[in-house]
Amino acid sequence: MKTTDCFSCAVLNGTATTPGNGMIWCDDLAMANHHEDERSSETYTSSPAGWFIVCPVRHVTRTYDLTGSEWLAIGRAVKAIDSALTELYGSQRTLVASLGWFNNDHIHFHCVPTFGESVSLGSKNFDGAYTPLKISSDEAAKQVKVFLREKLMQNNRLQLF
């Protein structure tokens, strides 16, 4: 079930866009997109370049309701994003967490690159951990999309938009 006011569902059906023009990864069960700029501008003074979101295609509100197949698909997407952040930008670790629900009840997982800094979750969405890349979020999304297409399409289970 998709809801009309769900941002993740809107990205999936093409009525909402994110940096890089929407999804960078989508298969039958999971999708990934760059973290949206307009919703983070109140929290972060700079663009969240390199910060990605992974979620199930199906509108699910709790991890409890994810199927085993959805968990595997989400894991594949997270691994692909981590690979891209590591190889393209030198991320030393990719933090992964499900945070927040006030604007988006569609369960989603934040994938945040870190670069050796001291990591503290802070009061809002990885405040102390996040270090923006020195490129725009749109450019980061496009670079990761190209990386995934070139490096990870070999398994033919990946559909990119």
Protein backbone atom coordinates (compact mmCIF):
# COMPACT_ATOMS: atom_id res chain seq x y z
CA MET A 1 0.00 0.00 0.00
CA LYS A 2 1.41 3.38 -1.01
CA THR A 3 0.21 6.54 0.63
CA THR A 4 -0.33 9.81 -1.16
CA ASP A 5 1.66 11.88 1.33
CA CYS A 6 4.65 9.53 1.60
CA PHE A 7 7.86 11.06 0.26
CA SER A 8 9.51 7.68 -0.47
CA CYS A 9 6.45 6.51 -2.38
CA ALA A 10 6.44 9.80 -4.30
CA VAL A 11 10.08 9.22 -5.30
CA LEU A 12 9.16 5.70 -6.39
CA ASN A 13 6.24 6.85 -8.54
CA GLY A 14 8.14 9.81 -10.00
CA THR A 15 6.14 12.65 -8.43
CA ALA A 16 9.00 13.76 -6.14
CA THR A 17 12.61 14.20 -7.08
CA THR A 18 15.85 14.11 -5.17
CA PRO A 19 19.36 15.16 -6.15
CA GLY A 20 20.41 13.25 -9.25
CA ASN A 21 16.78 13.22 -10.45
CA GLY A 22 15.34 10.52 -8.25
CA MET A 23 16.30 6.92 -7.69
CA ILE A 24 19.85 5.73 -8.21
CA TRP A 25 19.06 2.09 -7.39
CA CYS A 26 15.82 0.18 -7.70
CA ASP A 27 14.98 -3.49 -7.94
CA ASP A 28 11.70 -5.28 -7.21
CA LEU A 29 12.06 -4.88 -3.45
CA ALA A 30 14.37 -1.99 -2.56
CA MET A 31 15.34 1.44 -3.80
CA ALA A 32 17.96 4.07 -3.00
CA ASN A 33 18.09 7.79 -3.59
CA HIS A 34 20.22 10.69 -2.44
CA HIS A 35 19.01 12.37 0.72
CA GLU A 36 16.72 15.20 -0.29
CA ASP A 37 18.13 18.71 0.04
CA GLU A 38 14.99 20.68 0.81
CA ARG A 39 14.04 18.58 3.83
CA SER A 40 17.50 18.78 5.35
CA SER A 41 18.21 22.49 4.81
CA GLU A 42 16.80 23.45 8.20
CA THR A 43 19.15 21.01 9.96
CA TYR A 44 22.28 21.36 7.85
CA THR A 45 23.74 24.59 6.56
CA SER A 46 25.47 22.77 3.71
CA SER A 47 24.23 20.26 1.19
CA PRO A 48 24.14 16.66 2.44
CA ALA A 49 26.25 15.47 -0.51
CA GLY A 50 26.95 11.76 -0.23
CA TRP A 51 24.10 11.02 2.21
CA PHE A 52 21.83 8.32 0.77
CA ILE A 53 18.52 6.74 1.74
CA VAL A 54 17.60 3.08 1.19
CA CYS A 55 14.04 1.83 1.63
CA PRO A 56 11.76 -1.01 0.60
CA VAL A 57 9.65 -0.49 -2.52
CA ARG A 58 6.57 -1.62 -0.60
CA HIS A 59 5.17 0.97 1.79
CA VAL A 60 6.21 -0.51 5.13
CA THR A 61 6.32 1.46 8.37
CA ARG A 62 8.24 -0.91 10.67
CA THR A 63 11.25 -3.18 10.35
CA TYR A 64 9.08 -5.85 11.97
CA ASP A 65 6.91 -5.92 8.84
CA LEU A 66 9.76 -6.36 6.34
CA THR A 67 9.97 -9.76 4.68
CA GLY A 68 13.20 -11.73 4.58
CA SER A 69 13.47 -10.96 0.85
CA GLU A 70 13.04 -7.23 1.51
CA TRP A 71 15.80 -7.34 4.15
CA LEU A 72 18.14 -9.03 1.66
CA ALA A 73 17.31 -6.46 -1.02
CA ILE A 74 17.86 -3.59 1.41
CA GLY A 75 21.16 -5.17 2.43
CA ARG A 76 22.27 -5.40 -1.21
CA ALA A 77 21.39 -1.73 -1.74
CA VAL A 78 23.22 -0.63 1.42
CA LYS A 79 26.28 -2.65 0.38
CA ALA A 80 26.22 -1.07 -3.09
CA ILE A 81 25.96 2.44 -1.61
CA ASP A 82 28.78 1.67 0.85
CA SER A 83 30.93 0.39 -2.01
CA ALA A 84 30.33 3.56 -4.01
CA LEU A 85 31.03 5.87 -1.05
CA THR A 86 34.22 3.97 -0.26
CA GLU A 87 35.60 3.74 -3.78
CA LEU A 88 34.52 7.17 -5.04
CA TYR A 89 35.10 9.31 -1.97
CA GLY A 90 37.27 7.32 0.44
CA SER A 91 34.65 6.88 3.14
CA GLN A 92 36.25 4.98 6.01
CA ARG A 93 32.89 3.74 7.26
CA THR A 94 29.31 4.11 6.21
CA LEU A 95 26.95 4.60 9.13
CA VAL A 96 23.53 3.03 8.60
CA ALA A 97 20.49 3.76 10.74
CA SER A 98 16.76 4.20 10.62
CA LEU A 99 15.99 7.61 12.07
CA GLY A 100 12.93 9.79 12.34
CA TRP A 101 9.35 9.25 11.39
CA PHE A 102 7.64 12.61 11.77
CA ASN A 103 7.54 13.42 8.03
CA ASN A 104 7.92 10.00 6.48
CA ASP A 105 6.50 6.84 7.98
CA HIS A 106 7.87 4.70 5.10
CA ILE A 107 10.73 2.84 6.81
CA HIS A 108 14.05 4.00 5.42
CA PHE A 109 17.72 3.68 6.24
CA HIS A 110 20.24 6.52 6.15
CA CYS A 111 23.66 5.67 4.67
CA VAL A 112 26.14 8.30 5.82
CA PRO A 113 29.83 8.33 4.83
CA THR A 114 32.44 9.09 7.48
CA PHE A 115 36.04 10.08 6.95
CA GLY A 116 37.91 9.26 10.15
CA GLU A 117 36.44 12.01 12.27
CA SER A 118 35.26 11.29 15.77
CA VAL A 119 31.72 10.03 15.36
CA SER A 120 28.90 11.14 17.63
CA LEU A 121 25.25 10.81 16.74
CA GLY A 122 24.40 14.19 18.22
CA SER A 123 20.87 15.40 18.66
CA LYS A 124 19.65 15.21 15.05
CA ASN A 125 20.38 12.67 12.32
CA PHE A 126 24.12 12.03 12.64
CA ASP A 127 25.00 15.68 13.43
CA GLY A 128 28.44 14.87 14.74
CA ALA A 129 29.22 12.20 12.17
CA TYR A 130 28.32 13.82 8.89
CA THR A 131 31.00 15.61 6.89
CA PRO A 132 29.69 16.94 3.56
CA LEU A 133 31.58 16.11 0.41
CA LYS A 134 33.13 19.01 -1.46
CA ILE A 135 30.72 18.58 -4.36
CA SER A 136 27.01 19.25 -4.76
CA SER A 137 24.50 16.64 -3.69
CA ASP A 138 23.28 16.48 -7.29
CA GLU A 139 26.81 15.67 -8.50
CA ALA A 140 27.28 13.05 -5.76
CA ALA A 141 24.03 11.35 -6.75
CA LYS A 142 25.01 11.33 -10.43
CA GLN A 143 28.51 9.99 -9.67
CA VAL A 144 27.15 7.18 -7.51
CA LYS A 145 24.57 6.30 -10.14
CA VAL A 146 27.30 6.04 -12.80
CA PHE A 147 29.51 4.04 -10.42
CA LEU A 148 26.72 1.55 -9.75
CA ARG A 149 25.94 1.25 -13.44
CA GLU A 150 29.57 0.64 -14.40
CA LYS A 151 30.71 -1.50 -11.46
CA LEU A 152 27.66 -3.36 -10.23
CA MET A 153 25.43 -3.99 -13.24
CA GLN A 154 27.26 -7.25 -13.93
CA ASN A 155 24.81 -9.19 -11.76
CA ASN A 156 21.85 -8.03 -13.93
CA ARG A 157 19.63 -7.71 -10.84
CA LEU A 158 19.93 -3.94 -10.75
CA GLN A 159 17.72 -1.43 -12.47
CA LEU A 160 18.89 2.16 -12.48
CA PHE A 161 16.89 5.24 -13.33
